[in-house]
Amino acid sequence: MYAASREALAHTRSALQSALGSGAATAAAAQAGSELFSVVEALDSQRALRTALADASAPAAVRERLAEQVFGGKVSAQTLATVKAAAGQDWSAQSDLTNSLVQLGREALLKAAADQDQLDTVEDELFRLGRIVAGNPDLEQTLSDRGTPASAKRDLLTRLLYGKVTAVTETLAVHAVGRLSESPAGTFDELSALAAAQRDRAVAHVRSAAPLDARQEERLSATLTRIYGKPVTVHVEVDPELLSGLVVRVGDEVIDGSAAGRLAAVRKSLT
């Protein structure tokens, strides 16, 4: 995202935060998040509208009036204020407008989760969902298939998640599979990391040759916290193929302390 779009996103985020206010009810934030997703779906399906709202050659006031004409009376005041603010900004690309509304919808929903003390739960549920999808090739293929309508993917995931996760997790995940830009598991990992970021935390994805007990996880989290200078949430999955040790991924950085990793390094050095 270029500088113009980053600035536009910052202005739009400020408008959303102002509309919600510090004392906004949890329901208002959840509603705004869900409605922003609905706005994005409308823009995804109507190219002419998307083009008009992102047309930097048109006066900002004209674009804002268009947003009000289209969405006024159909969404809450908080959502409408956010969409009008977005329409009034100059974006480097049309996709930056829609992607930014997605981002703000996610942030609004995570604010609702935080207000209900559910942010930890949402973060963990999204991580676990990513692992479930990654471990089920048929499900991952179905959710990744570009030939499958977005509505069918969302219906499938809704059936799988209904009653098993929080409402925020379900809403975030179901909307995400309808407009995937990477693998489903990677998208759910990204959402989990976003949930952690709301608490100024980093996320460590850990593959371990054997299960870690609570004390070991606490020690690992404390060590990573010292290394990265901020609290680190540890998510662990067991992978016997590592033989022994751990592989830790924090963002783009990977620390491979597994026996399999050491053997691979030896083989590479021999060749």
C-alpha atoms as a PDB file:
ATOM      1  CA  MET A   1       0.000   0.000   0.000  1.00  0.00           C
ATOM      2  CA  TYR A   2       1.466   3.342  -1.087  1.00  0.00           C
ATOM      3  CA  ALA A   3       1.718   6.413   1.133  1.00  0.00           C
ATOM      4  CA  ALA A   4      -1.519   7.976  -0.122  1.00  0.00           C
ATOM      5  CA  SER A   5      -3.531   4.893   0.759  1.00  0.00           C
ATOM      6  CA  ARG A   6      -1.810   4.521   4.123  1.00  0.00           C
ATOM      7  CA  GLU A   7      -2.794   8.092   4.938  1.00  0.00           C
ATOM      8  CA  ALA A   8      -6.333   7.458   3.682  1.00  0.00           C
ATOM      9  CA  LEU A   9      -6.594   4.369   5.878  1.00  0.00           C
ATOM     10  CA  ALA A  10      -5.392   6.329   8.908  1.00  0.00           C
ATOM     11  CA  HIS A  11      -8.038   9.029   8.332  1.00  0.00           C
ATOM     12  CA  THR A  12     -10.775   6.440   7.858  1.00  0.00           C
ATOM     13  CA  ARG A  13      -9.718   4.525  10.959  1.00  0.00           C
ATOM     14  CA  SER A  14      -9.867   7.771  12.930  1.00  0.00           C
ATOM     15  CA  ALA A  15     -13.401   8.336  11.619  1.00  0.00           C
ATOM     16  CA  LEU A  16     -14.460   4.852  12.729  1.00  0.00           C
ATOM     17  CA  GLN A  17     -12.944   5.289  16.170  1.00  0.00           C
ATOM     18  CA  SER A  18     -14.599   8.674  16.533  1.00  0.00           C
ATOM     19  CA  ALA A  19     -17.960   7.274  15.407  1.00  0.00           C
ATOM     20  CA  LEU A  20     -17.760   4.406  17.873  1.00  0.00           C
ATOM     21  CA  GLY A  21     -16.400   6.596  20.670  1.00  0.00           C
ATOM     22  CA  SER A  22     -14.676   5.385  23.813  1.00  0.00           C
ATOM     23  CA  GLY A  23     -17.993   4.585  25.479  1.00  0.00           C
ATOM     24  CA  ALA A  24     -19.672   2.849  22.557  1.00  0.00           C
ATOM     25  CA  ALA A  25     -21.616  -0.279  23.329  1.00  0.00           C
ATOM     26  CA  THR A  26     -20.079  -3.589  22.348  1.00  0.00           C
ATOM     27  CA  ALA A  27     -23.036  -4.202  20.054  1.00  0.00           C
ATOM     28  CA  ALA A  28     -22.253  -1.003  18.106  1.00  0.00           C
ATOM     29  CA  ALA A  29     -18.706  -2.134  17.337  1.00  0.00           C
ATOM     30  CA  ALA A  30     -19.876  -5.622  16.347  1.00  0.00           C
ATOM     31  CA  GLN A  31     -22.595  -4.148  14.138  1.00  0.00           C
ATOM     32  CA  ALA A  32     -20.162  -1.768  12.462  1.00  0.00           C
ATOM     33  CA  GLY A  33     -17.755  -4.611  11.750  1.00  0.00           C
ATOM     34  CA  SER A  34     -20.416  -6.821  10.199  1.00  0.00           C
ATOM     35  CA  GLU A  35     -21.884  -3.942   8.204  1.00  0.00           C
ATOM     36  CA  LEU A  36     -18.504  -2.917   6.827  1.00  0.00           C
ATOM     37  CA  PHE A  37     -18.160  -6.462   5.520  1.00  0.00           C
ATOM     38  CA  SER A  38     -21.571  -6.098   3.843  1.00  0.00           C
ATOM     39  CA  VAL A  39     -20.454  -2.824   2.266  1.00  0.00           C
ATOM     40  CA  VAL A  40     -17.354  -4.547   0.918  1.00  0.00           C
ATOM     41  CA  GLU A  41     -19.464  -7.339  -0.562  1.00  0.00           C
ATOM     42  CA  ALA A  42     -21.584  -4.703  -2.335  1.00  0.00           C
ATOM     43  CA  LEU A  43     -18.480  -2.983  -3.695  1.00  0.00           C
ATOM     44  CA  ASP A  44     -16.976  -6.307  -4.792  1.00  0.00           C
ATOM     45  CA  SER A  45     -20.101  -7.080  -6.810  1.00  0.00           C
ATOM     46  CA  GLN A  46     -20.634  -3.582  -8.288  1.00  0.00           C
ATOM     47  CA  ARG A  47     -17.597  -2.433 -10.216  1.00  0.00           C
ATOM     48  CA  ALA A  48     -19.141   0.874 -11.291  1.00  0.00           C
ATOM     49  CA  LEU A  49     -19.916   1.840  -7.700  1.00  0.00           C
ATOM     50  CA  ARG A  50     -16.467   0.775  -6.513  1.00  0.00           C
ATOM     51  CA  THR A  51     -14.845   2.816  -9.276  1.00  0.00           C
ATOM     52  CA  ALA A  52     -16.945   5.896  -8.531  1.00  0.00           C
ATOM     53  CA  LEU A  53     -16.215   5.863  -4.793  1.00  0.00           C
ATOM     54  CA  ALA A  54     -12.466   5.476  -5.383  1.00  0.00           C
ATOM     55  CA  ASP A  55     -12.229   7.972  -8.260  1.00  0.00           C
ATOM     56  CA  ALA A  56      -9.674  10.528  -7.043  1.00  0.00           C
ATOM     57  CA  SER A  57     -10.496  12.813  -9.997  1.00  0.00           C
ATOM     58  CA  ALA A  58     -14.000  13.442  -8.587  1.00  0.00           C
ATOM     59  CA  PRO A  59     -14.433  15.927  -5.718  1.00  0.00           C
ATOM     60  CA  ALA A  60     -14.440  14.309  -2.285  1.00  0.00           C
ATOM     61  CA  ALA A  61     -17.834  15.834  -1.492  1.00  0.00           C
ATOM     62  CA  VAL A  62     -19.345  14.162  -4.563  1.00  0.00           C
ATOM     63  CA  ARG A  63     -18.004  10.760  -3.538  1.00  0.00           C
ATOM     64  CA  GLU A  64     -19.241  11.221   0.018  1.00  0.00           C
ATOM     65  CA  ARG A  65     -22.735  12.125  -1.230  1.00  0.00           C
ATOM     66  CA  LEU A  66     -22.739   9.015  -3.406  1.00  0.00           C
ATOM     67  CA  ALA A  67     -21.826   6.867  -0.404  1.00  0.00           C
ATOM     68  CA  GLU A  68     -24.684   8.416   1.559  1.00  0.00           C
ATOM     69  CA  GLN A  69     -27.162   7.886  -1.276  1.00  0.00           C
ATOM     70  CA  VAL A  70     -26.220   4.231  -1.649  1.00  0.00           C
ATOM     71  CA  PHE A  71     -25.780   3.177   1.963  1.00  0.00           C
ATOM     72  CA  GLY A  72     -27.789   5.740   3.943  1.00  0.00           C
ATOM     73  CA  GLY A  73     -30.648   4.094   5.841  1.00  0.00           C
ATOM     74  CA  LYS A  74     -29.168   0.642   5.184  1.00  0.00           C
ATOM     75  CA  VAL A  75     -26.379   0.683   7.769  1.00  0.00           C
ATOM     76  CA  SER A  76     -25.851   2.240  11.177  1.00  0.00           C
ATOM     77  CA  ALA A  77     -24.720   5.835  11.624  1.00  0.00           C
ATOM     78  CA  GLN A  78     -21.268   4.599  12.717  1.00  0.00           C
ATOM     79  CA  THR A  79     -20.822   2.498   9.605  1.00  0.00           C
ATOM     80  CA  LEU A  80     -22.102   5.226   7.290  1.00  0.00           C
ATOM     81  CA  ALA A  81     -19.706   7.772   8.801  1.00  0.00           C
ATOM     82  CA  THR A  82     -16.829   5.361   8.182  1.00  0.00           C
ATOM     83  CA  VAL A  83     -17.809   4.619   4.586  1.00  0.00           C
ATOM     84  CA  LYS A  84     -18.265   8.324   3.808  1.00  0.00           C
ATOM     85  CA  ALA A  85     -14.864   9.059   5.312  1.00  0.00           C
ATOM     86  CA  ALA A  86     -13.315   6.346   3.155  1.00  0.00           C
ATOM     87  CA  ALA A  87     -15.048   7.661   0.036  1.00  0.00           C
ATOM     88  CA  GLY A  88     -13.696  11.143   0.727  1.00  0.00           C
ATOM     89  CA  GLN A  89     -10.086   9.975   0.739  1.00  0.00           C
ATOM     90  CA  ASP A  90      -7.696   9.648  -2.213  1.00  0.00           C
ATOM     91  CA  TRP A  91      -6.629   6.010  -2.613  1.00  0.00           C
ATOM     92  CA  SER A  92      -3.687   4.789  -4.655  1.00  0.00           C
ATOM     93  CA  ALA A  93      -5.804   1.923  -6.033  1.00  0.00           C
ATOM     94  CA  GLN A  94      -9.441   0.850  -5.949  1.00  0.00           C
ATOM     95  CA  SER A  95      -8.490  -2.320  -4.128  1.00  0.00           C
ATOM     96  CA  ASP A  96      -6.944  -0.265  -1.317  1.00  0.00           C
ATOM     97  CA  LEU A  97     -10.372   1.199  -0.559  1.00  0.00           C
ATOM     98  CA  THR A  98     -12.095  -2.166  -0.237  1.00  0.00           C
ATOM     99  CA  ASN A  99      -9.166  -3.847   1.513  1.00  0.00           C
ATOM    100  CA  SER A 100      -9.045  -1.015   4.043  1.00  0.00           C
ATOM    101  CA  LEU A 101     -12.766  -1.350   4.776  1.00  0.00           C
ATOM    102  CA  VAL A 102     -12.156  -5.063   5.366  1.00  0.00           C
ATOM    103  CA  GLN A 103      -9.317  -4.207   7.747  1.00  0.00           C
ATOM    104  CA  LEU A 104     -11.484  -1.749   9.675  1.00  0.00           C
ATOM    105  CA  GLY A 105     -14.360  -4.209   9.814  1.00  0.00           C
ATOM    106  CA  ARG A 106     -12.013  -6.723  11.398  1.00  0.00           C
ATOM    107  CA  GLU A 107     -10.721  -4.159  13.875  1.00  0.00           C
ATOM    108  CA  ALA A 108     -14.264  -3.183  14.870  1.00  0.00           C
ATOM    109  CA  LEU A 109     -15.184  -6.815  15.515  1.00  0.00           C
ATOM    110  CA  LEU A 110     -12.010  -7.377  17.529  1.00  0.00           C
ATOM    111  CA  LYS A 111     -12.842  -4.276  19.579  1.00  0.00           C
ATOM    112  CA  ALA A 112     -16.201  -5.885  20.347  1.00  0.00           C
ATOM    113  CA  ALA A 113     -14.388  -9.067  21.404  1.00  0.00           C
ATOM    114  CA  ALA A 114     -12.021  -7.063  23.615  1.00  0.00           C
ATOM    115  CA  ASP A 115     -14.956  -5.295  25.262  1.00  0.00           C
ATOM    116  CA  GLN A 116     -16.353  -8.726  26.151  1.00  0.00           C
ATOM    117  CA  ASP A 117     -12.974 -10.051  27.356  1.00  0.00           C
ATOM    118  CA  GLN A 118     -13.026 -12.557  24.489  1.00  0.00           C
ATOM    119  CA  LEU A 119      -9.950 -11.429  22.579  1.00  0.00           C
ATOM    120  CA  ASP A 120      -7.775 -14.279  23.885  1.00  0.00           C
ATOM    121  CA  THR A 121     -10.482 -16.772  22.932  1.00  0.00           C
ATOM    122  CA  VAL A 122     -10.923 -15.332  19.444  1.00  0.00           C
ATOM    123  CA  GLU A 123      -7.177 -15.356  18.839  1.00  0.00           C
ATOM    124  CA  ASP A 124      -6.890 -18.998  19.888  1.00  0.00           C
ATOM    125  CA  GLU A 125      -9.981 -20.084  17.939  1.00  0.00           C
ATOM    126  CA  LEU A 126      -8.658 -18.535  14.740  1.00  0.00           C
ATOM    127  CA  PHE A 127      -5.290 -20.206  15.203  1.00  0.00           C
ATOM    128  CA  ARG A 128      -6.916 -23.591  15.864  1.00  0.00           C
ATOM    129  CA  LEU A 129      -9.148 -23.132  12.836  1.00  0.00           C
ATOM    130  CA  GLY A 130      -6.079 -22.550  10.703  1.00  0.00           C
ATOM    131  CA  ARG A 131      -4.531 -25.768  11.958  1.00  0.00           C
ATOM    132  CA  ILE A 132      -7.736 -27.731  11.343  1.00  0.00           C
ATOM    133  CA  VAL A 133      -7.979 -26.478   7.773  1.00  0.00           C
ATOM    134  CA  ALA A 134      -4.274 -27.092   7.118  1.00  0.00           C
ATOM    135  CA  GLY A 135      -4.704 -30.662   8.368  1.00  0.00           C
ATOM    136  CA  ASN A 136      -7.721 -31.366   6.135  1.00  0.00           C
ATOM    137  CA  PRO A 137      -6.652 -31.233   2.462  1.00  0.00           C
ATOM    138  CA  ASP A 138     -10.198 -31.716   1.146  1.00  0.00           C
ATOM    139  CA  LEU A 139     -11.547 -28.824   3.213  1.00  0.00           C
ATOM    140  CA  GLU A 140      -8.611 -26.603   2.316  1.00  0.00           C
ATOM    141  CA  GLN A 141      -9.061 -27.383  -1.380  1.00  0.00           C
ATOM    142  CA  THR A 142     -12.768 -26.563  -1.232  1.00  0.00           C
ATOM    143  CA  LEU A 143     -12.192 -23.256   0.529  1.00  0.00           C
ATOM    144  CA  SER A 144      -9.335 -22.361  -1.852  1.00  0.00           C
ATOM    145  CA  ASP A 145     -11.113 -23.337  -5.078  1.00  0.00           C
ATOM    146  CA  ARG A 146     -11.589 -20.203  -7.180  1.00  0.00           C
ATOM    147  CA  GLY A 147     -14.367 -21.945  -9.069  1.00  0.00           C
ATOM    148  CA  THR A 148     -16.490 -22.333  -5.934  1.00  0.00           C
ATOM    149  CA  PRO A 149     -18.806 -19.351  -5.337  1.00  0.00           C
ATOM    150  CA  ALA A 150     -17.940 -17.241  -2.304  1.00  0.00           C
ATOM    151  CA  SER A 151     -21.440 -17.792  -0.944  1.00  0.00           C
ATOM    152  CA  ALA A 152     -20.957 -21.564  -1.024  1.00  0.00           C
ATOM    153  CA  LYS A 153     -17.666 -21.304   0.868  1.00  0.00           C
ATOM    154  CA  ARG A 154     -19.260 -19.083   3.496  1.00  0.00           C
ATOM    155  CA  ASP A 155     -22.244 -21.399   3.885  1.00  0.00           C
ATOM    156  CA  LEU A 156     -19.925 -24.384   4.340  1.00  0.00           C
ATOM    157  CA  LEU A 157     -17.813 -22.675   6.978  1.00  0.00           C
ATOM    158  CA  THR A 158     -20.898 -21.333   8.771  1.00  0.00           C
ATOM    159  CA  ARG A 159     -22.233 -24.880   9.111  1.00  0.00           C
ATOM    160  CA  LEU A 160     -18.889 -26.108  10.404  1.00  0.00           C
ATOM    161  CA  LEU A 161     -18.444 -23.320  12.962  1.00  0.00           C
ATOM    162  CA  TYR A 162     -21.994 -22.678  14.162  1.00  0.00           C
ATOM    163  CA  GLY A 163     -22.216 -23.068  17.939  1.00  0.00           C
ATOM    164  CA  LYS A 164     -18.554 -24.085  18.233  1.00  0.00           C
ATOM    165  CA  VAL A 165     -16.798 -20.706  18.325  1.00  0.00           C
ATOM    166  CA  THR A 166     -17.568 -17.160  19.426  1.00  0.00           C
ATOM    167  CA  ALA A 167     -19.719 -14.997  17.185  1.00  0.00           C
ATOM    168  CA  VAL A 168     -16.752 -12.733  16.395  1.00  0.00           C
ATOM    169  CA  THR A 169     -14.575 -15.653  15.290  1.00  0.00           C
ATOM    170  CA  GLU A 170     -17.363 -16.998  13.082  1.00  0.00           C
ATOM    171  CA  THR A 171     -18.001 -13.616  11.457  1.00  0.00           C
ATOM    172  CA  LEU A 172     -14.295 -12.958  10.806  1.00  0.00           C
ATOM    173  CA  ALA A 173     -13.636 -16.421   9.389  1.00  0.00           C
ATOM    174  CA  VAL A 174     -16.782 -16.696   7.279  1.00  0.00           C
ATOM    175  CA  HIS A 175     -16.233 -13.328   5.616  1.00  0.00           C
ATOM    176  CA  ALA A 176     -12.533 -14.034   5.034  1.00  0.00           C
ATOM    177  CA  VAL A 177     -13.108 -17.236   3.026  1.00  0.00           C
ATOM    178  CA  GLY A 178     -15.262 -15.306   0.574  1.00  0.00           C
ATOM    179  CA  ARG A 179     -12.367 -13.139  -0.618  1.00  0.00           C
ATOM    180  CA  LEU A 180      -9.191 -15.125  -0.027  1.00  0.00           C
ATOM    181  CA  SER A 181      -5.889 -13.697  -1.241  1.00  0.00           C
ATOM    182  CA  GLU A 182      -3.809 -16.563   0.164  1.00  0.00           C
ATOM    183  CA  SER A 183      -4.381 -20.033   1.621  1.00  0.00           C
ATOM    184  CA  PRO A 184      -7.277 -20.373   4.083  1.00  0.00           C
ATOM    185  CA  ALA A 185      -4.917 -21.488   6.854  1.00  0.00           C
ATOM    186  CA  GLY A 186      -2.651 -18.507   6.182  1.00  0.00           C
ATOM    187  CA  THR A 187      -5.631 -16.158   6.275  1.00  0.00           C
ATOM    188  CA  PHE A 188      -6.796 -17.509   9.637  1.00  0.00           C
ATOM    189  CA  ASP A 189      -3.236 -17.165  10.966  1.00  0.00           C
ATOM    190  CA  GLU A 190      -3.252 -13.542   9.792  1.00  0.00           C
ATOM    191  CA  LEU A 191      -6.516 -12.918  11.631  1.00  0.00           C
ATOM    192  CA  SER A 192      -5.134 -14.558  14.767  1.00  0.00           C
ATOM    193  CA  ALA A 193      -2.076 -12.300  14.586  1.00  0.00           C
ATOM    194  CA  LEU A 194      -4.338  -9.266  14.143  1.00  0.00           C
ATOM    195  CA  ALA A 195      -6.213 -10.245  17.303  1.00  0.00           C
ATOM    196  CA  ALA A 196      -2.904 -10.474  19.162  1.00  0.00           C
ATOM    197  CA  ALA A 197      -1.829  -7.092  17.795  1.00  0.00           C
ATOM    198  CA  GLN A 198      -4.872  -5.465  19.394  1.00  0.00           C
ATOM    199  CA  ARG A 199      -3.189  -6.253  22.727  1.00  0.00           C
ATOM    200  CA  ASP A 200       0.251  -5.199  21.445  1.00  0.00           C
ATOM    201  CA  ARG A 201       1.340  -8.819  21.360  1.00  0.00           C
ATOM    202  CA  ALA A 202       3.274 -10.885  18.846  1.00  0.00           C
ATOM    203  CA  VAL A 203       2.301 -14.441  17.929  1.00  0.00           C
ATOM    204  CA  ALA A 204       4.711 -17.364  17.843  1.00  0.00           C
ATOM    205  CA  HIS A 205       3.634 -20.369  15.797  1.00  0.00           C
ATOM    206  CA  VAL A 206       5.491 -23.305  17.294  1.00  0.00           C
ATOM    207  CA  ARG A 207       5.822 -26.784  15.858  1.00  0.00           C
ATOM    208  CA  SER A 208       7.058 -29.247  18.448  1.00  0.00           C
ATOM    209  CA  ALA A 209       8.115 -32.859  18.065  1.00  0.00           C
ATOM    210  CA  ALA A 210       6.283 -33.628  21.326  1.00  0.00           C
ATOM    211  CA  PRO A 211       3.542 -31.880  23.314  1.00  0.00           C
ATOM    212  CA  LEU A 212       4.646 -29.056  25.617  1.00  0.00           C
ATOM    213  CA  ASP A 213       3.234 -28.823  29.116  1.00  0.00           C
ATOM    214  CA  ALA A 214       1.983 -25.538  30.581  1.00  0.00           C
ATOM    215  CA  ARG A 215       5.297 -24.797  32.309  1.00  0.00           C
ATOM    216  CA  GLN A 216       7.283 -25.332  29.104  1.00  0.00           C
ATOM    217  CA  GLU A 217       4.936 -23.050  27.151  1.00  0.00           C
ATOM    218  CA  GLU A 218       5.293 -20.353  29.819  1.00  0.00           C
ATOM    219  CA  ARG A 219       9.097 -20.583  29.696  1.00  0.00           C
ATOM    220  CA  LEU A 220       9.090 -20.415  25.897  1.00  0.00           C
ATOM    221  CA  SER A 221       6.747 -17.409  25.939  1.00  0.00           C
ATOM    222  CA  ALA A 222       8.962 -15.651  28.499  1.00  0.00           C
ATOM    223  CA  THR A 223      12.085 -16.302  26.415  1.00  0.00           C
ATOM    224  CA  LEU A 224      10.483 -15.013  23.213  1.00  0.00           C
ATOM    225  CA  THR A 225       9.132 -11.986  25.066  1.00  0.00           C
ATOM    226  CA  ARG A 226      12.688 -11.074  26.086  1.00  0.00           C
ATOM    227  CA  ILE A 227      13.928 -11.571  22.516  1.00  0.00           C
ATOM    228  CA  TYR A 228      11.230  -9.518  20.792  1.00  0.00           C
ATOM    229  CA  GLY A 229      10.684  -6.893  23.469  1.00  0.00           C
ATOM    230  CA  LYS A 230       6.914  -7.371  23.681  1.00  0.00           C
ATOM    231  CA  PRO A 231       4.567 -10.039  25.042  1.00  0.00           C
ATOM    232  CA  VAL A 232       4.466 -13.104  22.796  1.00  0.00           C
ATOM    233  CA  THR A 233       1.528 -15.491  22.610  1.00  0.00           C
ATOM    234  CA  VAL A 234       2.623 -19.069  21.896  1.00  0.00           C
ATOM    235  CA  HIS A 235       0.495 -21.388  19.753  1.00  0.00           C
ATOM    236  CA  VAL A 236       1.784 -24.953  19.649  1.00  0.00           C
ATOM    237  CA  GLU A 237       1.065 -27.788  17.240  1.00  0.00           C
ATOM    238  CA  VAL A 238       2.673 -31.212  17.498  1.00  0.00           C
ATOM    239  CA  ASP A 239       4.647 -32.431  14.467  1.00  0.00           C
ATOM    240  CA  PRO A 240       6.387 -35.804  15.070  1.00  0.00           C
ATOM    241  CA  GLU A 241       8.269 -35.454  11.756  1.00  0.00           C
ATOM    242  CA  LEU A 242      10.557 -32.943  13.477  1.00  0.00           C
ATOM    243  CA  LEU A 243      12.009 -35.897  15.444  1.00  0.00           C
ATOM    244  CA  SER A 244      12.953 -33.635  18.367  1.00  0.00           C
ATOM    245  CA  GLY A 245      13.114 -29.952  19.266  1.00  0.00           C
ATOM    246  CA  LEU A 246      11.054 -26.992  18.017  1.00  0.00           C
ATOM    247  CA  VAL A 247      10.479 -24.772  15.023  1.00  0.00           C
ATOM    248  CA  VAL A 248       9.344 -21.279  16.027  1.00  0.00           C
ATOM    249  CA  ARG A 249       7.925 -18.750  13.576  1.00  0.00           C
ATOM    250  CA  VAL A 250       7.306 -15.151  14.624  1.00  0.00           C
ATOM    251  CA  GLY A 251       6.183 -13.085  11.651  1.00  0.00           C
ATOM    252  CA  ASP A 252       8.650 -13.754   8.829  1.00  0.00           C
ATOM    253  CA  GLU A 253      11.407 -14.952  11.167  1.00  0.00           C
ATOM    254  CA  VAL A 254      11.902 -18.682  11.682  1.00  0.00           C
ATOM    255  CA  ILE A 255      14.004 -20.278  14.419  1.00  0.00           C
ATOM    256  CA  ASP A 256      14.610 -23.937  13.585  1.00  0.00           C
ATOM    257  CA  GLY A 257      15.873 -25.908  16.568  1.00  0.00           C
ATOM    258  CA  SER A 258      14.518 -29.261  15.423  1.00  0.00           C
ATOM    259  CA  ALA A 259      16.498 -32.407  14.725  1.00  0.00           C
ATOM    260  CA  ALA A 260      14.989 -32.530  11.245  1.00  0.00           C
ATOM    261  CA  GLY A 261      16.168 -28.979  10.635  1.00  0.00           C
ATOM    262  CA  ARG A 262      19.697 -29.790  11.789  1.00  0.00           C
ATOM    263  CA  LEU A 263      19.795 -32.873   9.541  1.00  0.00           C
ATOM    264  CA  ALA A 264      18.615 -30.801   6.590  1.00  0.00           C
ATOM    265  CA  ALA A 265      21.368 -28.256   7.284  1.00  0.00           C
ATOM    266  CA  VAL A 266      23.979 -31.028   7.392  1.00  0.00           C
ATOM    267  CA  ARG A 267      22.747 -32.505   4.103  1.00  0.00           C
ATOM    268  CA  LYS A 268      22.869 -29.060   2.499  1.00  0.00           C
ATOM    269  CA  SER A 269      26.428 -28.481   3.697  1.00  0.00           C
ATOM    270  CA  LEU A 270      27.527 -31.856   2.284  1.00  0.00           C
ATOM    271  CA  THR A 271      26.181 -30.998  -1.157  1.00  0.00           C
END
